[in-house]
């Protein structure tokens, strides 16, 4: 990848002469090594830094090697995991192999043998990357190339797109702003039999209540003040193709009724008209609201909700798939380097670490805009470094609200406020909150329960 200069190995083991010797040996063979002396530190390192290899003592303190292996594989399914055991732990080592470890080795370590295992694992990763690149070339022909990432969450969305694209089923894409709901809608269209027909995108949230009905269904001349000519609506424009209703939760109850009829009968009348128009449209909707909750509150029609959500696709926020950030960053740098005529050669690990730790409330859209701004201002042939970061990211770990700690307040109450504020600052990202507070993840969960923080 563009940002990598050396493969990264996370070593999770107690402090000892043998561990120090292992780290020195790996560094001598051109590997970057991160050393975690206990399981909690290793767990946080896995969440904050992309790693290629994990060398973990099975009985590392606090969080054991098996849990670290599972977490590392969640973040990077191709990670080369090696479990280190004492002689009497063969059964657990075999279980680690079943869970995806690349190898297990017994103490005292044969460093040359361990190095050979890591090198085989790295070679396997290079092959897997090439296979993924070839799959990406296929996805590009299918309109899926912009759903960047190898996380399970992205793979699940991609699989759903492929499964439903050839059908006529309506689909509801749910997720926070900036997660890529529009890209998924376009990918469904590009994979469907309608791909040579029009894809019409309507942002329902950007249209005033008095305009959206005319926008969707069209109007006849004289239907209302200012209607000086007959106008086709989006349903007519999309006939034979796909109509994407973005932010569908914003439409009024009156328009909801007409929309329900179109789905049921595939027919409608223009505003001010009496002629029934037939339509053949594949309907895809998206929302950043909890429509099920809106149904219970009476803000959205239950029958329309069920008609729209024949298939529901949930777009994960970026903070829940941080392992995809390096790939996105690489793609965005290439894209904007070409677009703006720059000579950016990649990105330093320090910058990538900051990007990995940021909460990204604006999701992929915010990340993309951030990278574009950095590329635009980068001068010369060099990688992006810490000096290119916008101010908000330079202080990614220090910004936030001020706490009102007063004389006489109990230590417990001050700690509860600090925990709650940090969780808000990180968007409820608990591994990042634990790292900011300098405590282990288990400790954070225990304190959340202790103080009933929601």
Protein backbone atom coordinates (compact mmCIF):
# COMPACT_ATOMS: atom_id res chain seq x y z
CA UNK A 1 0.00 0.00 0.00
CA UNK A 2 1.14 3.58 -0.50
CA UNK A 3 1.52 4.42 3.18
CA UNK A 4 3.60 1.36 4.10
CA UNK A 5 7.36 1.36 4.14
CA UNK A 6 7.81 -1.81 6.20
CA UNK A 7 5.44 -4.61 7.22
CA UNK A 8 4.17 -4.04 10.75
CA UNK A 9 4.45 -6.78 13.40
CA UNK A 10 2.66 -6.47 16.75
CA UNK A 11 4.46 -8.43 19.48
CA UNK A 12 2.29 -9.08 22.56
CA UNK A 13 4.40 -10.56 25.35
CA UNK A 14 5.74 -9.77 28.81
CA UNK A 15 8.95 -7.83 29.23
CA UNK A 16 11.92 -10.17 29.22
CA UNK A 17 15.35 -10.51 27.66
CA UNK A 18 13.91 -13.05 25.22
CA UNK A 19 11.18 -10.63 24.11
CA UNK A 20 13.68 -7.81 23.66
CA UNK A 21 15.87 -10.15 21.63
CA UNK A 22 12.91 -11.11 19.44
CA UNK A 23 12.06 -7.46 18.76
CA UNK A 24 15.65 -6.58 17.90
CA UNK A 25 15.87 -9.59 15.57
CA UNK A 26 12.69 -8.63 13.70
CA UNK A 27 13.81 -5.03 13.31
CA UNK A 28 17.14 -6.21 11.91
CA UNK A 29 15.16 -7.98 9.17
CA UNK A 30 13.40 -4.81 7.98
CA UNK A 31 10.17 -5.25 9.96
CA UNK A 32 8.51 -2.45 11.92
CA UNK A 33 7.69 -3.73 15.42
CA UNK A 34 5.08 -2.52 17.91
CA UNK A 35 5.57 -3.98 21.39
CA UNK A 36 2.62 -4.42 23.75
CA UNK A 37 3.52 -5.74 27.20
CA UNK A 38 -0.03 -6.85 28.04
CA UNK A 39 -3.23 -7.84 26.27
CA UNK A 40 -5.07 -4.56 26.82
CA UNK A 41 -2.28 -2.54 25.22
CA UNK A 42 -2.19 -5.02 22.33
CA UNK A 43 -5.98 -4.84 21.92
CA UNK A 44 -5.81 -1.04 21.70
CA UNK A 45 -2.89 -1.21 19.25
CA UNK A 46 -4.86 -3.54 16.97
CA UNK A 47 -7.75 -1.05 16.91
CA UNK A 48 -5.57 2.00 16.30
CA UNK A 49 -2.87 0.78 13.88
CA UNK A 50 -3.08 -1.46 10.80
CA UNK A 51 -0.88 -4.51 11.44
CA UNK A 52 0.33 -7.20 9.06
CA UNK A 53 1.51 -9.77 11.61
CA UNK A 54 0.68 -10.64 15.22
CA UNK A 55 3.06 -12.56 17.47
CA UNK A 56 1.19 -13.16 20.73
CA UNK A 57 2.00 -15.11 23.87
CA UNK A 58 -1.01 -17.32 24.61
CA UNK A 59 -1.02 -16.27 28.27
CA UNK A 60 -0.22 -12.58 27.82
CA UNK A 61 -1.65 -10.68 30.86
CA UNK A 62 -5.21 -9.25 30.98
CA UNK A 63 -6.43 -10.24 27.51
CA UNK A 64 -5.10 -13.55 26.24
CA UNK A 65 -3.53 -14.32 22.89
CA UNK A 66 -6.64 -16.07 21.55
CA UNK A 67 -8.77 -12.94 22.06
CA UNK A 68 -6.06 -10.83 20.40
CA UNK A 69 -5.99 -13.18 17.43
CA UNK A 70 -9.76 -12.94 17.00
CA UNK A 71 -9.63 -9.15 17.19
CA UNK A 72 -6.75 -8.91 14.73
CA UNK A 73 -8.58 -11.13 12.24
CA UNK A 74 -11.70 -8.97 12.58
CA UNK A 75 -9.60 -5.96 11.62
CA UNK A 76 -7.59 -7.73 8.92
CA UNK A 77 -8.75 -11.20 7.85
CA UNK A 78 -5.37 -11.80 6.16
CA UNK A 79 -3.27 -11.01 9.24
CA UNK A 80 -0.41 -13.46 9.84
CA UNK A 81 -1.03 -14.56 13.44
CA UNK A 82 1.55 -16.63 15.34
CA UNK A 83 0.69 -17.87 18.84
CA UNK A 84 3.54 -18.50 21.28
CA UNK A 85 3.00 -21.27 23.82
CA UNK A 86 4.60 -23.10 26.66
CA UNK A 87 5.18 -26.81 26.08
CA UNK A 88 2.04 -27.96 27.92
CA UNK A 89 -0.43 -25.87 25.90
CA UNK A 90 -0.59 -27.82 22.65
CA UNK A 91 -4.38 -28.24 22.74
CA UNK A 92 -4.91 -24.48 22.96
CA UNK A 93 -2.39 -23.90 20.21
CA UNK A 94 -4.29 -26.28 17.95
CA UNK A 95 -7.49 -24.40 18.77
CA UNK A 96 -5.75 -21.16 17.78
CA UNK A 97 -4.92 -22.73 14.42
CA UNK A 98 -8.60 -23.58 13.97
CA UNK A 99 -9.44 -19.92 14.66
CA UNK A 100 -7.11 -18.71 11.93
CA UNK A 101 -3.62 -18.57 13.41
CA UNK A 102 -0.95 -18.99 10.76
CA UNK A 103 1.28 -21.03 13.06
CA UNK A 104 2.13 -21.71 16.70
CA UNK A 105 5.59 -22.00 18.20
CA UNK A 106 6.87 -23.09 21.59
CA UNK A 107 9.32 -21.28 23.83
CA UNK A 108 12.25 -20.94 23.63
CA UNK A 109 11.70 -19.49 20.17
CA UNK A 110 13.66 -20.42 17.09
CA UNK A 111 13.91 -16.91 15.65
CA UNK A 112 14.88 -18.03 12.15
CA UNK A 113 11.88 -20.35 12.02
CA UNK A 114 9.57 -17.61 13.25
CA UNK A 115 10.92 -15.20 10.64
CA UNK A 116 10.30 -17.76 7.90
CA UNK A 117 6.67 -18.13 9.05
CA UNK A 118 6.14 -14.36 9.02
CA UNK A 119 7.65 -14.05 5.57
CA UNK A 120 5.36 -16.80 4.24
CA UNK A 121 2.41 -14.99 5.77
CA UNK A 122 3.42 -11.71 4.16
CA UNK A 123 3.81 -13.46 0.80
CA UNK A 124 0.32 -14.88 1.22
CA UNK A 125 -1.00 -11.37 1.95
CA UNK A 126 0.60 -10.07 -1.25
CA UNK A 127 -1.11 -12.85 -3.21
CA UNK A 128 -4.45 -12.14 -1.49
CA UNK A 129 -4.05 -8.44 -2.33
CA UNK A 130 -3.52 -9.33 -5.99
CA UNK A 131 -6.63 -11.52 -5.96
CA UNK A 132 -8.56 -8.68 -4.34
CA UNK A 133 -7.25 -6.31 -7.01
CA UNK A 134 -8.52 -8.64 -9.73
CA UNK A 135 -11.87 -8.88 -7.93
CA UNK A 136 -11.88 -5.09 -7.76
CA UNK A 137 -11.41 -4.91 -11.51
CA UNK A 138 -14.49 -7.09 -11.88
CA UNK A 139 -16.37 -4.93 -9.38
CA UNK A 140 -15.42 -1.87 -11.43
CA UNK A 141 -17.24 -3.36 -14.40
CA UNK A 142 -20.20 -4.05 -12.10
CA UNK A 143 -20.30 -0.56 -10.54
CA UNK A 144 -19.10 -1.71 -7.10
CA UNK A 145 -15.57 -0.27 -7.15
CA UNK A 146 -16.46 2.76 -5.02
CA UNK A 147 -17.58 0.58 -2.10
CA UNK A 148 -13.99 0.57 -0.90
CA UNK A 149 -12.93 -1.84 1.81
CA UNK A 150 -12.33 -5.44 2.76
CA UNK A 151 -14.11 -5.44 6.12
CA UNK A 152 -16.90 -7.88 6.77
CA UNK A 153 -19.36 -5.01 6.94
CA UNK A 154 -18.51 -3.83 3.41
CA UNK A 155 -18.44 -7.38 2.08
CA UNK A 156 -21.92 -7.95 3.50
CA UNK A 157 -23.23 -4.87 1.69
CA UNK A 158 -21.54 -5.92 -1.56
CA UNK A 159 -23.05 -9.41 -1.30
CA UNK A 160 -26.51 -7.91 -0.74
CA UNK A 161 -26.12 -5.68 -3.80
CA UNK A 162 -25.21 -8.63 -6.00
CA UNK A 163 -28.06 -10.72 -4.57
CA UNK A 164 -30.88 -8.22 -5.12
CA UNK A 165 -29.74 -6.25 -8.17
CA UNK A 166 -31.33 -8.58 -10.74
CA UNK A 167 -34.73 -8.46 -8.97
CA UNK A 168 -37.46 -5.82 -8.97
CA UNK A 169 -37.64 -5.68 -5.16
CA UNK A 170 -37.70 -2.26 -3.52
CA UNK A 171 -34.78 -1.62 -1.20
CA UNK A 172 -34.31 0.64 1.80
CA UNK A 173 -30.71 1.71 2.49
CA UNK A 174 -30.22 2.89 6.06
CA UNK A 175 -27.24 4.65 7.61
CA UNK A 176 -25.74 7.87 8.88
CA UNK A 177 -25.03 10.82 6.61
CA UNK A 178 -21.90 10.29 4.54
CA UNK A 179 -21.79 6.49 4.72
CA UNK A 180 -22.29 5.96 0.99
CA UNK A 181 -26.00 5.17 0.63
CA UNK A 182 -26.13 6.81 -2.79
CA UNK A 183 -23.19 4.75 -4.01
CA UNK A 184 -25.00 1.56 -3.02
CA UNK A 185 -28.15 2.67 -4.84
CA UNK A 186 -26.12 3.32 -7.99
CA UNK A 187 -24.38 -0.04 -7.66
CA UNK A 188 -27.74 -1.81 -7.48
CA UNK A 189 -28.80 -0.02 -10.66
CA UNK A 190 -25.53 -0.80 -12.47
CA UNK A 191 -25.90 -4.50 -11.64
CA UNK A 192 -29.55 -4.68 -12.72
CA UNK A 193 -31.22 -5.38 -16.08
CA UNK A 194 -32.14 -1.67 -16.05
CA UNK A 195 -28.53 -0.47 -16.16
CA UNK A 196 -28.89 0.97 -19.68
CA UNK A 197 -31.90 3.05 -18.60
CA UNK A 198 -31.92 6.19 -16.44
CA UNK A 199 -30.93 6.37 -12.79
CA UNK A 200 -32.84 9.33 -11.33
CA UNK A 201 -31.75 10.64 -7.91
CA UNK A 202 -34.16 12.76 -5.82
CA UNK A 203 -33.02 14.33 -2.55
CA UNK A 204 -36.32 14.51 -0.72
CA UNK A 205 -34.77 16.38 2.20
CA UNK A 206 -33.69 19.26 -0.05
CA UNK A 207 -37.17 19.88 -1.49
CA UNK A 208 -39.79 22.06 0.19
CA UNK A 209 -43.00 20.32 1.21
CA UNK A 210 -45.03 22.19 -1.41
CA UNK A 211 -42.61 21.26 -4.19
CA UNK A 212 -41.87 17.58 -3.68
CA UNK A 213 -45.24 16.29 -4.93
CA UNK A 214 -44.86 18.14 -8.22
CA UNK A 215 -41.21 17.09 -8.43
CA UNK A 216 -42.07 13.40 -8.10
CA UNK A 217 -45.31 13.18 -10.06
CA UNK A 218 -45.19 16.20 -12.37
CA UNK A 219 -47.95 18.74 -12.87
CA UNK A 220 -50.37 19.98 -15.49
CA UNK A 221 -50.46 23.53 -16.79
CA UNK A 222 -52.41 25.75 -14.40
CA UNK A 223 -52.28 23.24 -11.55
CA UNK A 224 -51.01 25.98 -9.22
CA UNK A 225 -49.70 29.52 -9.40
CA UNK A 226 -46.58 29.52 -11.55
CA UNK A 227 -47.42 26.27 -13.38
CA UNK A 228 -47.30 27.84 -16.83
CA UNK A 229 -46.60 24.56 -18.64
CA UNK A 230 -47.08 20.84 -18.21
CA UNK A 231 -44.05 19.27 -16.53
CA UNK A 232 -43.01 15.65 -16.26
CA UNK A 233 -42.12 14.35 -12.81
CA UNK A 234 -39.28 12.10 -11.73
CA UNK A 235 -41.40 8.94 -11.99
CA UNK A 236 -41.95 9.63 -15.68
CA UNK A 237 -38.29 10.50 -16.22
CA UNK A 238 -37.19 7.23 -14.60
CA UNK A 239 -39.66 5.04 -16.48
CA UNK A 240 -37.91 1.79 -17.35
CA UNK A 241 -35.04 2.63 -15.03
CA UNK A 242 -34.40 3.25 -11.33
CA UNK A 243 -35.70 6.02 -9.08
CA UNK A 244 -33.65 6.70 -5.95
CA UNK A 245 -35.46 8.57 -3.17
CA UNK A 246 -32.76 9.87 -0.85
CA UNK A 247 -33.87 10.92 2.66
CA UNK A 248 -37.30 9.41 2.08
CA UNK A 249 -38.17 9.93 5.76
CA UNK A 250 -38.56 13.66 5.11
CA UNK A 251 -41.61 13.43 2.83
CA UNK A 252 -44.99 14.61 4.11
CA UNK A 253 -47.91 12.27 5.01
CA UNK A 254 -49.85 13.42 1.93
CA UNK A 255 -47.01 12.50 -0.42
CA UNK A 256 -46.50 9.24 1.46
CA UNK A 257 -50.03 8.23 0.44
CA UNK A 258 -49.35 8.91 -3.26
CA UNK A 259 -46.01 7.12 -3.07
CA UNK A 260 -47.68 4.06 -1.56
CA UNK A 261 -50.14 3.97 -4.43
CA UNK A 262 -47.37 4.09 -7.03
CA UNK A 263 -45.64 1.14 -5.38
CA UNK A 264 -48.87 -0.86 -5.15
CA UNK A 265 -50.52 -0.01 -8.48
CA UNK A 266 -47.60 1.35 -10.54
CA UNK A 267 -49.85 4.26 -11.44
CA UNK A 268 -50.26 7.95 -10.52
CA UNK A 269 -51.73 11.24 -11.69
CA UNK A 270 -49.84 14.47 -12.22
CA UNK A 271 -50.67 17.31 -9.84
CA UNK A 272 -53.77 18.99 -11.25
CA UNK A 273 -54.33 16.16 -13.73
CA UNK A 274 -56.95 13.43 -14.14
CA UNK A 275 -55.17 11.07 -16.53
CA UNK A 276 -53.75 7.99 -14.85
CA UNK A 277 -50.10 7.47 -15.82
CA UNK A 278 -48.54 4.00 -15.75
CA UNK A 279 -44.94 3.63 -14.66
CA UNK A 280 -42.32 0.89 -14.64
CA UNK A 281 -39.74 2.00 -12.11
CA UNK A 282 -37.36 0.17 -9.76
CA UNK A 283 -37.64 2.08 -6.48
CA UNK A 284 -34.75 2.41 -4.04
CA UNK A 285 -35.02 4.58 -0.93
CA UNK A 286 -32.51 5.76 1.66
CA UNK A 287 -32.71 7.40 5.06
CA UNK A 288 -30.51 8.52 7.92
CA UNK A 289 -33.49 8.33 10.28
CA UNK A 290 -34.83 5.43 12.29
CA UNK A 291 -37.96 4.89 10.19
CA UNK A 292 -39.16 2.05 12.41
CA UNK A 293 -39.20 4.51 15.33
CA UNK A 294 -40.94 7.10 13.12
CA UNK A 295 -43.62 4.51 12.34
CA UNK A 296 -44.23 3.91 16.06
CA UNK A 297 -44.38 7.67 16.64
CA UNK A 298 -46.90 8.11 13.81
CA UNK A 299 -44.57 10.19 11.64
CA UNK A 300 -44.25 7.64 8.85
CA UNK A 301 -46.86 5.31 7.39
CA UNK A 302 -46.42 1.72 8.49
CA UNK A 303 -47.71 0.27 5.22
CA UNK A 304 -45.31 2.43 3.19
CA UNK A 305 -42.40 1.47 5.45
CA UNK A 306 -42.98 -2.22 4.83
CA UNK A 307 -43.40 -1.65 1.10
CA UNK A 308 -40.10 0.23 0.92
CA UNK A 309 -38.16 -2.17 3.12
CA UNK A 310 -38.65 -5.43 1.23
CA UNK A 311 -34.85 -5.49 1.38
CA UNK A 312 -33.02 -3.48 4.06
CA UNK A 313 -29.34 -2.66 3.65
CA UNK A 314 -27.54 -1.20 6.66
CA UNK A 315 -24.55 1.01 5.89
CA UNK A 316 -22.02 0.90 8.74
CA UNK A 317 -20.50 4.16 10.01
CA UNK A 318 -16.80 4.58 9.30
CA UNK A 319 -15.90 4.34 13.01
CA UNK A 320 -17.17 0.74 12.96
CA UNK A 321 -14.96 -0.28 10.02
CA UNK A 322 -11.71 1.53 10.68
CA UNK A 323 -9.79 -1.30 9.04
CA UNK A 324 -11.03 0.06 5.68
CA UNK A 325 -9.51 3.52 6.22
CA UNK A 326 -6.03 2.71 4.80
CA UNK A 327 -7.54 1.44 1.53
CA UNK A 328 -9.82 4.48 1.27
CA UNK A 329 -6.96 6.85 1.94
CA UNK A 330 -4.86 5.21 -0.76
CA UNK A 331 -7.71 5.42 -3.25
CA UNK A 332 -8.52 9.06 -2.43
CA UNK A 333 -4.87 10.12 -2.69
CA UNK A 334 -4.60 8.57 -6.16
CA UNK A 335 -7.89 10.13 -7.24
CA UNK A 336 -7.13 13.66 -6.06
CA UNK A 337 -3.46 13.52 -7.04
CA UNK A 338 -4.57 13.02 -10.66
CA UNK A 339 -7.43 15.49 -10.43
CA UNK A 340 -5.35 18.35 -9.00
CA UNK A 341 -2.04 17.60 -10.72
CA UNK A 342 -0.07 16.97 -7.55
CA UNK A 343 2.87 14.61 -6.89
CA UNK A 344 1.86 13.05 -3.57
CA UNK A 345 3.72 9.77 -3.13
CA UNK A 346 1.72 8.36 -0.22
CA UNK A 347 1.16 9.05 3.47
CA UNK A 348 3.28 8.71 6.58
CA UNK A 349 2.33 6.29 9.32
CA UNK A 350 1.95 9.12 11.81
CA UNK A 351 -0.76 10.70 9.68
CA UNK A 352 -2.47 7.37 9.10
CA UNK A 353 -2.53 6.72 12.85
CA UNK A 354 -4.30 10.06 13.36
CA UNK A 355 -6.82 9.22 10.66
CA UNK A 356 -7.43 5.82 12.22
CA UNK A 357 -8.13 7.37 15.64
CA UNK A 358 -10.49 10.12 14.49
CA UNK A 359 -14.22 9.58 15.18
CA UNK A 360 -15.33 10.65 11.65
CA UNK A 361 -18.84 11.91 12.47
CA UNK A 362 -19.20 12.77 8.77
CA UNK A 363 -18.12 9.26 7.80
CA UNK A 364 -16.62 8.51 4.37
CA UNK A 365 -17.63 11.89 3.00
CA UNK A 366 -15.65 13.66 5.75
CA UNK A 367 -12.61 11.43 5.18
CA UNK A 368 -12.73 12.06 1.43
CA UNK A 369 -12.96 15.83 1.86
CA UNK A 370 -10.11 15.76 4.39
CA UNK A 371 -7.80 13.88 2.02
CA UNK A 372 -8.69 16.16 -0.88
CA UNK A 373 -7.82 19.23 1.16
CA UNK A 374 -4.49 17.72 2.21
CA UNK A 375 -3.58 16.80 -1.37
CA UNK A 376 -4.54 20.23 -2.72
CA UNK A 377 -2.16 22.01 -0.33
CA UNK A 378 0.70 19.48 -0.61
CA UNK A 379 3.71 20.84 -2.48
CA UNK A 380 6.47 18.82 -4.09
CA UNK A 381 6.98 15.11 -4.59
CA UNK A 382 6.54 13.71 -1.09
CA UNK A 383 4.16 11.80 1.16
CA UNK A 384 1.49 13.57 3.20
CA UNK A 385 2.83 14.20 6.71
CA UNK A 386 1.61 15.66 10.01
CA UNK A 387 2.08 19.22 8.75
CA UNK A 388 -0.63 18.60 6.13
CA UNK A 389 -3.29 17.65 8.68
CA UNK A 390 -6.15 20.11 9.23
CA UNK A 391 -6.24 21.68 12.70
CA UNK A 392 -9.13 19.49 13.87
CA UNK A 393 -7.08 16.36 13.27
CA UNK A 394 -3.81 17.72 14.65
CA UNK A 395 -5.53 17.85 18.02
CA UNK A 396 -7.55 14.69 17.49
CA UNK A 397 -6.84 13.36 20.98
CA UNK A 398 -7.05 16.59 22.97
CA UNK A 399 -10.12 18.52 21.84
CA UNK A 400 -13.49 18.30 23.48
CA UNK A 401 -15.80 19.83 26.01
CA UNK A 402 -14.75 21.40 29.32
CA UNK A 403 -15.87 19.59 32.46
CA UNK A 404 -17.35 21.46 35.42
CA UNK A 405 -15.43 19.91 38.31
CA UNK A 406 -16.22 21.78 41.52
CA UNK A 407 -14.83 21.75 45.04
CA UNK A 408 -16.61 19.14 47.11
CA UNK A 409 -17.49 16.94 44.13
CA UNK A 410 -16.73 13.30 44.80
CA UNK A 411 -13.95 11.60 42.89
CA UNK A 412 -16.52 9.11 41.61
CA UNK A 413 -18.71 11.87 40.14
CA UNK A 414 -15.72 13.59 38.49
CA UNK A 415 -14.63 10.27 37.00
CA UNK A 416 -18.15 9.55 35.76
CA UNK A 417 -18.29 12.95 34.01
CA UNK A 418 -14.87 12.39 32.43
CA UNK A 419 -15.84 8.94 31.13
CA UNK A 420 -19.16 10.18 29.72
CA UNK A 421 -17.55 13.21 28.03
CA UNK A 422 -14.80 11.08 26.48
CA UNK A 423 -17.34 8.61 25.11
CA UNK A 424 -19.32 11.48 23.58
CA UNK A 425 -16.14 12.91 22.07
CA UNK A 426 -15.25 9.59 20.43
CA UNK A 427 -18.78 8.89 19.18
CA UNK A 428 -19.06 5.94 21.63
CA UNK A 429 -15.91 4.37 20.18
CA UNK A 430 -14.90 2.49 23.31
CA UNK A 431 -11.43 1.25 22.23
CA UNK A 432 -10.45 4.81 21.28
CA UNK A 433 -11.96 6.22 24.49
CA UNK A 434 -9.98 3.72 26.55
CA UNK A 435 -6.78 4.71 24.74
CA UNK A 436 -7.45 8.43 25.32
CA UNK A 437 -8.10 7.82 29.03
CA UNK A 438 -5.04 5.60 29.40
CA UNK A 439 -7.00 2.65 30.77
CA UNK A 440 -7.68 -0.82 29.48
CA UNK A 441 -10.80 -1.72 27.54
CA UNK A 442 -12.04 -4.09 30.23
CA UNK A 443 -11.57 -1.35 32.82
CA UNK A 444 -13.60 1.05 30.70
CA UNK A 445 -16.47 -1.44 30.34
CA UNK A 446 -16.41 -2.08 34.09
CA UNK A 447 -16.60 1.63 34.88
CA UNK A 448 -19.39 2.20 32.33
CA UNK A 449 -21.40 -0.45 34.17
CA UNK A 450 -20.37 0.89 37.59
CA UNK A 451 -21.52 4.44 36.78
CA UNK A 452 -24.53 3.41 34.63
CA UNK A 453 -23.29 5.48 31.68
CA UNK A 454 -25.54 5.19 28.63
